[in-house]
Amino acid sequence: MAFKFLSKQEETSERTKLIQSINQVKSELKQNEALFNLSLSSDMIDFAIHKDIALKAQYNYLLKKYKEHT
């Protein structure tokens, strides 16, 4: 694996993008929780559960990437 060295400005920009992505996923998790709570059909509940799993995986990935940049 090749390592790419970033300037301080590039590093700051990368962290900012990651923070924005993390906040976006957190917002989507809250929206999905509301969808789950309002769902009446089993299909919608299943959808909300699967989406929650995917969003949490994305959130964990972004946190890991952020920690690599700090």
PDB file of N, CA and C in Angstrom:
ATOM      1  N   MET A   1       0.849  -1.171   0.000  1.00  0.00           N
ATOM      2  CA  MET A   1       0.000   0.000   0.000  1.00  0.00           C
ATOM      3  C   MET A   1       0.897   1.237   0.000  1.00  0.00           C
ATOM      4  N   ALA A   2       0.611   2.159  -0.890  1.00  0.00           N
ATOM      5  CA  ALA A   2       1.381   3.392  -0.977  1.00  0.00           C
ATOM      6  C   ALA A   2       0.741   4.445  -0.064  1.00  0.00           C
ATOM      7  N   PHE A   3       1.580   5.164   0.621  1.00  0.00           N
ATOM      8  CA  PHE A   3       1.094   6.230   1.490  1.00  0.00           C
ATOM      9  C   PHE A   3       1.179   7.548   0.746  1.00  0.00           C
ATOM     10  N   LYS A   4       0.140   8.349   0.900  1.00  0.00           N
ATOM     11  CA  LYS A   4       0.118   9.669   0.286  1.00  0.00           C
ATOM     12  C   LYS A   4       0.261  10.692   1.406  1.00  0.00           C
ATOM     13  N   PHE A   5       1.261  11.533   1.289  1.00  0.00           N
ATOM     14  CA  PHE A   5       1.456  12.576   2.281  1.00  0.00           C
ATOM     15  C   PHE A   5       0.686  13.809   1.858  1.00  0.00           C
ATOM     16  N   LEU A   6      -0.105  14.342   2.788  1.00  0.00           N
ATOM     17  CA  LEU A   6      -0.942  15.495   2.507  1.00  0.00           C
ATOM     18  C   LEU A   6      -0.379  16.730   3.200  1.00  0.00           C
ATOM     19  N   SER A   7      -0.589  17.868   2.560  1.00  0.00           N
ATOM     20  CA  SER A   7      -0.207  19.124   3.199  1.00  0.00           C
ATOM     21  C   SER A   7      -1.171  19.370   4.361  1.00  0.00           C
ATOM     22  N   LYS A   8      -0.828  20.318   5.234  1.00  0.00           N
ATOM     23  CA  LYS A   8      -1.711  20.632   6.368  1.00  0.00           C
ATOM     24  C   LYS A   8      -3.079  21.091   5.875  1.00  0.00           C
ATOM     25  N   GLN A   9      -3.091  21.871   4.810  1.00  0.00           N
ATOM     26  CA  GLN A   9      -4.354  22.363   4.263  1.00  0.00           C
ATOM     27  C   GLN A   9      -5.191  21.199   3.720  1.00  0.00           C
ATOM     28  N   GLU A  10      -4.549  20.276   3.015  1.00  0.00           N
ATOM     29  CA  GLU A  10      -5.265  19.108   2.489  1.00  0.00           C
ATOM     30  C   GLU A  10      -5.777  18.234   3.623  1.00  0.00           C
ATOM     31  N   GLU A  11      -4.964  18.090   4.649  1.00  0.00           N
ATOM     32  CA  GLU A  11      -5.348  17.289   5.811  1.00  0.00           C
ATOM     33  C   GLU A  11      -6.552  17.917   6.514  1.00  0.00           C
ATOM     34  N   THR A  12      -6.530  19.224   6.688  1.00  0.00           N
ATOM     35  CA  THR A  12      -7.646  19.931   7.309  1.00  0.00           C
ATOM     36  C   THR A  12      -8.903  19.796   6.464  1.00  0.00           C
ATOM     37  N   SER A  13      -8.751  19.933   5.173  1.00  0.00           N
ATOM     38  CA  SER A  13      -9.888  19.794   4.260  1.00  0.00           C
ATOM     39  C   SER A  13     -10.472  18.388   4.329  1.00  0.00           C
ATOM     40  N   GLU A  14      -9.613  17.386   4.387  1.00  0.00           N
ATOM     41  CA  GLU A  14     -10.061  15.996   4.485  1.00  0.00           C
ATOM     42  C   GLU A  14     -10.814  15.761   5.787  1.00  0.00           C
ATOM     43  N   ARG A  15     -10.306  16.293   6.894  1.00  0.00           N
ATOM     44  CA  ARG A  15     -10.999  16.156   8.185  1.00  0.00           C
ATOM     45  C   ARG A  15     -12.354  16.853   8.154  1.00  0.00           C
ATOM     46  N   THR A  16     -12.402  18.031   7.537  1.00  0.00           N
ATOM     47  CA  THR A  16     -13.663  18.764   7.432  1.00  0.00           C
ATOM     48  C   THR A  16     -14.693  17.966   6.647  1.00  0.00           C
ATOM     49  N   LYS A  17     -14.280  17.372   5.546  1.00  0.00           N
ATOM     50  CA  LYS A  17     -15.188  16.542   4.740  1.00  0.00           C
ATOM     51  C   LYS A  17     -15.675  15.340   5.538  1.00  0.00           C
ATOM     52  N   LEU A  18     -14.771  14.737   6.299  1.00  0.00           N
ATOM     53  CA  LEU A  18     -15.165  13.587   7.110  1.00  0.00           C
ATOM     54  C   LEU A  18     -16.158  13.992   8.192  1.00  0.00           C
ATOM     55  N   ILE A  19     -15.931  15.122   8.834  1.00  0.00           N
ATOM     56  CA  ILE A  19     -16.860  15.612   9.861  1.00  0.00           C
ATOM     57  C   ILE A  19     -18.230  15.867   9.254  1.00  0.00           C
ATOM     58  N   GLN A  20     -18.253  16.480   8.079  1.00  0.00           N
ATOM     59  CA  GLN A  20     -19.527  16.729   7.406  1.00  0.00           C
ATOM     60  C   GLN A  20     -20.232  15.414   7.080  1.00  0.00           C
ATOM     61  N   SER A  21     -19.484  14.436   6.619  1.00  0.00           N
ATOM     62  CA  SER A  21     -20.071  13.132   6.295  1.00  0.00           C
ATOM     63  C   SER A  21     -20.591  12.441   7.551  1.00  0.00           C
ATOM     64  N   ILE A  22     -19.839  12.519   8.631  1.00  0.00           N
ATOM     65  CA  ILE A  22     -20.266  11.926   9.899  1.00  0.00           C
ATOM     66  C   ILE A  22     -21.562  12.575  10.373  1.00  0.00           C
ATOM     67  N   ASN A  23     -21.628  13.892  10.306  1.00  0.00           N
ATOM     68  CA  ASN A  23     -22.842  14.599  10.725  1.00  0.00           C
ATOM     69  C   ASN A  23     -24.030  14.242   9.840  1.00  0.00           C
ATOM     70  N   GLN A  24     -23.788  14.063   8.545  1.00  0.00           N
ATOM     71  CA  GLN A  24     -24.852  13.678   7.613  1.00  0.00           C
ATOM     72  C   GLN A  24     -25.403  12.298   7.979  1.00  0.00           C
ATOM     73  N   VAL A  25     -24.515  11.359   8.259  1.00  0.00           N
ATOM     74  CA  VAL A  25     -24.951  10.012   8.614  1.00  0.00           C
ATOM     75  C   VAL A  25     -25.704  10.037   9.948  1.00  0.00           C
ATOM     76  N   LYS A  26     -25.238  10.835  10.907  1.00  0.00           N
ATOM     77  CA  LYS A  26     -25.953  10.950  12.184  1.00  0.00           C
ATOM     78  C   LYS A  26     -27.373  11.464  11.961  1.00  0.00           C
ATOM     79  N   SER A  27     -27.512  12.438  11.069  1.00  0.00           N
ATOM     80  CA  SER A  27     -28.832  12.976  10.739  1.00  0.00           C
ATOM     81  C   SER A  27     -29.711  11.901  10.081  1.00  0.00           C
ATOM     82  N   GLU A  28     -29.129  11.139   9.175  1.00  0.00           N
ATOM     83  CA  GLU A  28     -29.865  10.063   8.516  1.00  0.00           C
ATOM     84  C   GLU A  28     -30.278   8.981   9.514  1.00  0.00           C
ATOM     85  N   LEU A  29     -29.436   8.710  10.496  1.00  0.00           N
ATOM     86  CA  LEU A  29     -29.797   7.740  11.534  1.00  0.00           C
ATOM     87  C   LEU A  29     -31.018   8.216  12.333  1.00  0.00           C
ATOM     88  N   LYS A  30     -31.053   9.499  12.652  1.00  0.00           N
ATOM     89  CA  LYS A  30     -32.203  10.054  13.384  1.00  0.00           C
ATOM     90  C   LYS A  30     -33.468   9.979  12.539  1.00  0.00           C
ATOM     91  N   GLN A  31     -33.350  10.311  11.259  1.00  0.00           N
ATOM     92  CA  GLN A  31     -34.504  10.238  10.351  1.00  0.00           C
ATOM     93  C   GLN A  31     -34.993   8.801  10.224  1.00  0.00           C
ATOM     94  N   ASN A  32     -34.058   7.882  10.132  1.00  0.00           N
ATOM     95  CA  ASN A  32     -34.425   6.480   9.993  1.00  0.00           C
ATOM     96  C   ASN A  32     -35.102   5.961  11.260  1.00  0.00           C
ATOM     97  N   GLU A  33     -34.651   6.446  12.420  1.00  0.00           N
ATOM     98  CA  GLU A  33     -35.297   6.056  13.668  1.00  0.00           C
ATOM     99  C   GLU A  33     -36.750   6.527  13.683  1.00  0.00           C
ATOM    100  N   ALA A  34     -36.982   7.746  13.200  1.00  0.00           N
ATOM    101  CA  ALA A  34     -38.349   8.263  13.133  1.00  0.00           C
ATOM    102  C   ALA A  34     -39.186   7.426  12.169  1.00  0.00           C
ATOM    103  N   LEU A  35     -38.586   7.052  11.025  1.00  0.00           N
ATOM    104  CA  LEU A  35     -39.287   6.203  10.062  1.00  0.00           C
ATOM    105  C   LEU A  35     -39.676   4.879  10.719  1.00  0.00           C
ATOM    106  N   PHE A  36     -38.737   4.275  11.433  1.00  0.00           N
ATOM    107  CA  PHE A  36     -39.003   3.012  12.122  1.00  0.00           C
ATOM    108  C   PHE A  36     -40.167   3.170  13.107  1.00  0.00           C
ATOM    109  N   ASN A  37     -40.122   4.239  13.897  1.00  0.00           N
ATOM    110  CA  ASN A  37     -41.158   4.454  14.916  1.00  0.00           C
ATOM    111  C   ASN A  37     -42.532   4.706  14.316  1.00  0.00           C
ATOM    112  N   LEU A  38     -42.588   5.235  13.092  1.00  0.00           N
ATOM    113  CA  LEU A  38     -43.868   5.539  12.448  1.00  0.00           C
ATOM    114  C   LEU A  38     -44.332   4.437  11.511  1.00  0.00           C
ATOM    115  N   SER A  39     -43.505   3.442  11.293  1.00  0.00           N
ATOM    116  CA  SER A  39     -43.833   2.381  10.336  1.00  0.00           C
ATOM    117  C   SER A  39     -44.958   1.502  10.862  1.00  0.00           C
ATOM    118  N   LEU A  40     -45.895   1.209   9.948  1.00  0.00           N
ATOM    119  CA  LEU A  40     -47.024   0.368  10.311  1.00  0.00           C
ATOM    120  C   LEU A  40     -46.933  -1.015   9.672  1.00  0.00           C
ATOM    121  N   SER A  41     -46.241  -1.108   8.558  1.00  0.00           N
ATOM    122  CA  SER A  41     -46.163  -2.402   7.877  1.00  0.00           C
ATOM    123  C   SER A  41     -44.850  -3.105   8.217  1.00  0.00           C
ATOM    124  N   SER A  42     -44.881  -4.407   8.156  1.00  0.00           N
ATOM    125  CA  SER A  42     -43.675  -5.177   8.455  1.00  0.00           C
ATOM    126  C   SER A  42     -42.595  -4.917   7.410  1.00  0.00           C
ATOM    127  N   ASP A  43     -42.996  -4.642   6.166  1.00  0.00           N
ATOM    128  CA  ASP A  43     -42.012  -4.331   5.122  1.00  0.00           C
ATOM    129  C   ASP A  43     -41.251  -3.045   5.431  1.00  0.00           C
ATOM    130  N   MET A  44     -41.960  -2.036   5.891  1.00  0.00           N
ATOM    131  CA  MET A  44     -41.303  -0.770   6.224  1.00  0.00           C
ATOM    132  C   MET A  44     -40.405  -0.930   7.459  1.00  0.00           C
ATOM    133  N   ILE A  45     -40.828  -1.735   8.398  1.00  0.00           N
ATOM    134  CA  ILE A  45     -40.004  -1.992   9.579  1.00  0.00           C
ATOM    135  C   ILE A  45     -38.725  -2.709   9.165  1.00  0.00           C
ATOM    136  N   ASP A  46     -38.852  -3.721   8.304  1.00  0.00           N
ATOM    137  CA  ASP A  46     -37.669  -4.430   7.800  1.00  0.00           C
ATOM    138  C   ASP A  46     -36.733  -3.478   7.068  1.00  0.00           C
ATOM    139  N   PHE A  47     -37.307  -2.617   6.233  1.00  0.00           N
ATOM    140  CA  PHE A  47     -36.508  -1.636   5.498  1.00  0.00           C
ATOM    141  C   PHE A  47     -35.737  -0.745   6.462  1.00  0.00           C
ATOM    142  N   ALA A  48     -36.422  -0.243   7.483  1.00  0.00           N
ATOM    143  CA  ALA A  48     -35.784   0.657   8.451  1.00  0.00           C
ATOM    144  C   ALA A  48     -34.674  -0.059   9.214  1.00  0.00           C
ATOM    145  N   ILE A  49     -34.887  -1.327   9.534  1.00  0.00           N
ATOM    146  CA  ILE A  49     -33.862  -2.095  10.258  1.00  0.00           C
ATOM    147  C   ILE A  49     -32.626  -2.268   9.388  1.00  0.00           C
ATOM    148  N   HIS A  50     -32.821  -2.659   8.133  1.00  0.00           N
ATOM    149  CA  HIS A  50     -31.674  -2.857   7.234  1.00  0.00           C
ATOM    150  C   HIS A  50     -30.937  -1.553   6.951  1.00  0.00           C
ATOM    151  N   LYS A  51     -31.705  -0.484   6.813  1.00  0.00           N
ATOM    152  CA  LYS A  51     -31.080   0.820   6.589  1.00  0.00           C
ATOM    153  C   LYS A  51     -30.276   1.240   7.815  1.00  0.00           C
ATOM    154  N   ASP A  52     -30.793   0.960   8.996  1.00  0.00           N
ATOM    155  CA  ASP A  52     -30.091   1.284  10.235  1.00  0.00           C
ATOM    156  C   ASP A  52     -28.752   0.552  10.302  1.00  0.00           C
ATOM    157  N   ILE A  53     -28.752  -0.711   9.942  1.00  0.00           N
ATOM    158  CA  ILE A  53     -27.512  -1.498   9.945  1.00  0.00           C
ATOM    159  C   ILE A  53     -26.500  -0.898   8.975  1.00  0.00           C
ATOM    160  N   ALA A  54     -26.965  -0.547   7.780  1.00  0.00           N
ATOM    161  CA  ALA A  54     -26.072   0.029   6.772  1.00  0.00           C
ATOM    162  C   ALA A  54     -25.531   1.384   7.215  1.00  0.00           C
ATOM    163  N   LEU A  55     -26.388   2.221   7.786  1.00  0.00           N
ATOM    164  CA  LEU A  55     -25.948   3.539   8.240  1.00  0.00           C
ATOM    165  C   LEU A  55     -24.947   3.430   9.388  1.00  0.00           C
ATOM    166  N   LYS A  56     -25.156   2.489  10.289  1.00  0.00           N
ATOM    167  CA  LYS A  56     -24.208   2.315  11.396  1.00  0.00           C
ATOM    168  C   LYS A  56     -22.855   1.816  10.897  1.00  0.00           C
ATOM    169  N   ALA A  57     -22.870   0.968   9.887  1.00  0.00           N
ATOM    170  CA  ALA A  57     -21.612   0.511   9.293  1.00  0.00           C
ATOM    171  C   ALA A  57     -20.887   1.686   8.639  1.00  0.00           C
ATOM    172  N   GLN A  58     -21.641   2.525   7.939  1.00  0.00           N
ATOM    173  CA  GLN A  58     -21.052   3.708   7.306  1.00  0.00           C
ATOM    174  C   GLN A  58     -20.497   4.662   8.362  1.00  0.00           C
ATOM    175  N   TYR A  59     -21.232   4.866   9.435  1.00  0.00           N
ATOM    176  CA  TYR A  59     -20.810   5.737  10.524  1.00  0.00           C
ATOM    177  C   TYR A  59     -19.498   5.235  11.140  1.00  0.00           C
ATOM    178  N   ASN A  60     -19.431   3.935  11.405  1.00  0.00           N
ATOM    179  CA  ASN A  60     -18.213   3.359  11.985  1.00  0.00           C
ATOM    180  C   ASN A  60     -17.027   3.502  11.043  1.00  0.00           C
ATOM    181  N   TYR A  61     -17.256   3.303   9.756  1.00  0.00           N
ATOM    182  CA  TYR A  61     -16.198   3.463   8.763  1.00  0.00           C
ATOM    183  C   TYR A  61     -15.679   4.904   8.759  1.00  0.00           C
ATOM    184  N   LEU A  62     -16.590   5.867   8.756  1.00  0.00           N
ATOM    185  CA  LEU A  62     -16.188   7.278   8.733  1.00  0.00           C
ATOM    186  C   LEU A  62     -15.430   7.661  10.009  1.00  0.00           C
ATOM    187  N   LEU A  63     -15.875   7.158  11.154  1.00  0.00           N
ATOM    188  CA  LEU A  63     -15.158   7.428  12.404  1.00  0.00           C
ATOM    189  C   LEU A  63     -13.740   6.869  12.356  1.00  0.00           C
ATOM    190  N   LYS A  64     -13.611   5.679  11.819  1.00  0.00           N
ATOM    191  CA  LYS A  64     -12.283   5.061  11.687  1.00  0.00           C
ATOM    192  C   LYS A  64     -11.390   5.916  10.783  1.00  0.00           C
ATOM    193  N   LYS A  65     -11.938   6.369   9.655  1.00  0.00           N
ATOM    194  CA  LYS A  65     -11.158   7.216   8.738  1.00  0.00           C
ATOM    195  C   LYS A  65     -10.785   8.530   9.419  1.00  0.00           C
ATOM    196  N   TYR A  66     -11.704   9.105  10.198  1.00  0.00           N
ATOM    197  CA  TYR A  66     -11.412  10.364  10.889  1.00  0.00           C
ATOM    198  C   TYR A  66     -10.276  10.164  11.886  1.00  0.00           C
ATOM    199  N   LYS A  67     -10.319   9.077  12.634  1.00  0.00           N
ATOM    200  CA  LYS A  67      -9.255   8.811  13.627  1.00  0.00           C
ATOM    201  C   LYS A  67      -7.909   8.641  12.954  1.00  0.00           C
ATOM    202  N   GLU A  68      -7.891   8.100  11.743  1.00  0.00           N
ATOM    203  CA  GLU A  68      -6.628   7.960  10.998  1.00  0.00           C
ATOM    204  C   GLU A  68      -6.045   9.327  10.610  1.00  0.00           C
ATOM    205  N   HIS A  69      -6.921  10.336  10.510  1.00  0.00           N
ATOM    206  CA  HIS A  69      -6.483  11.678  10.091  1.00  0.00           C
ATOM    207  C   HIS A  69      -6.229  12.617  11.264  1.00  0.00           C
ATOM    208  N   THR A  70      -6.313  12.093  12.485  1.00  0.00           N
ATOM    209  CA  THR A  70      -6.046  12.972  13.640  1.00  0.00           C
ATOM    210  C   THR A  70      -4.778  12.567  14.340  1.00  0.00           C
TER     211      THR A  70
END
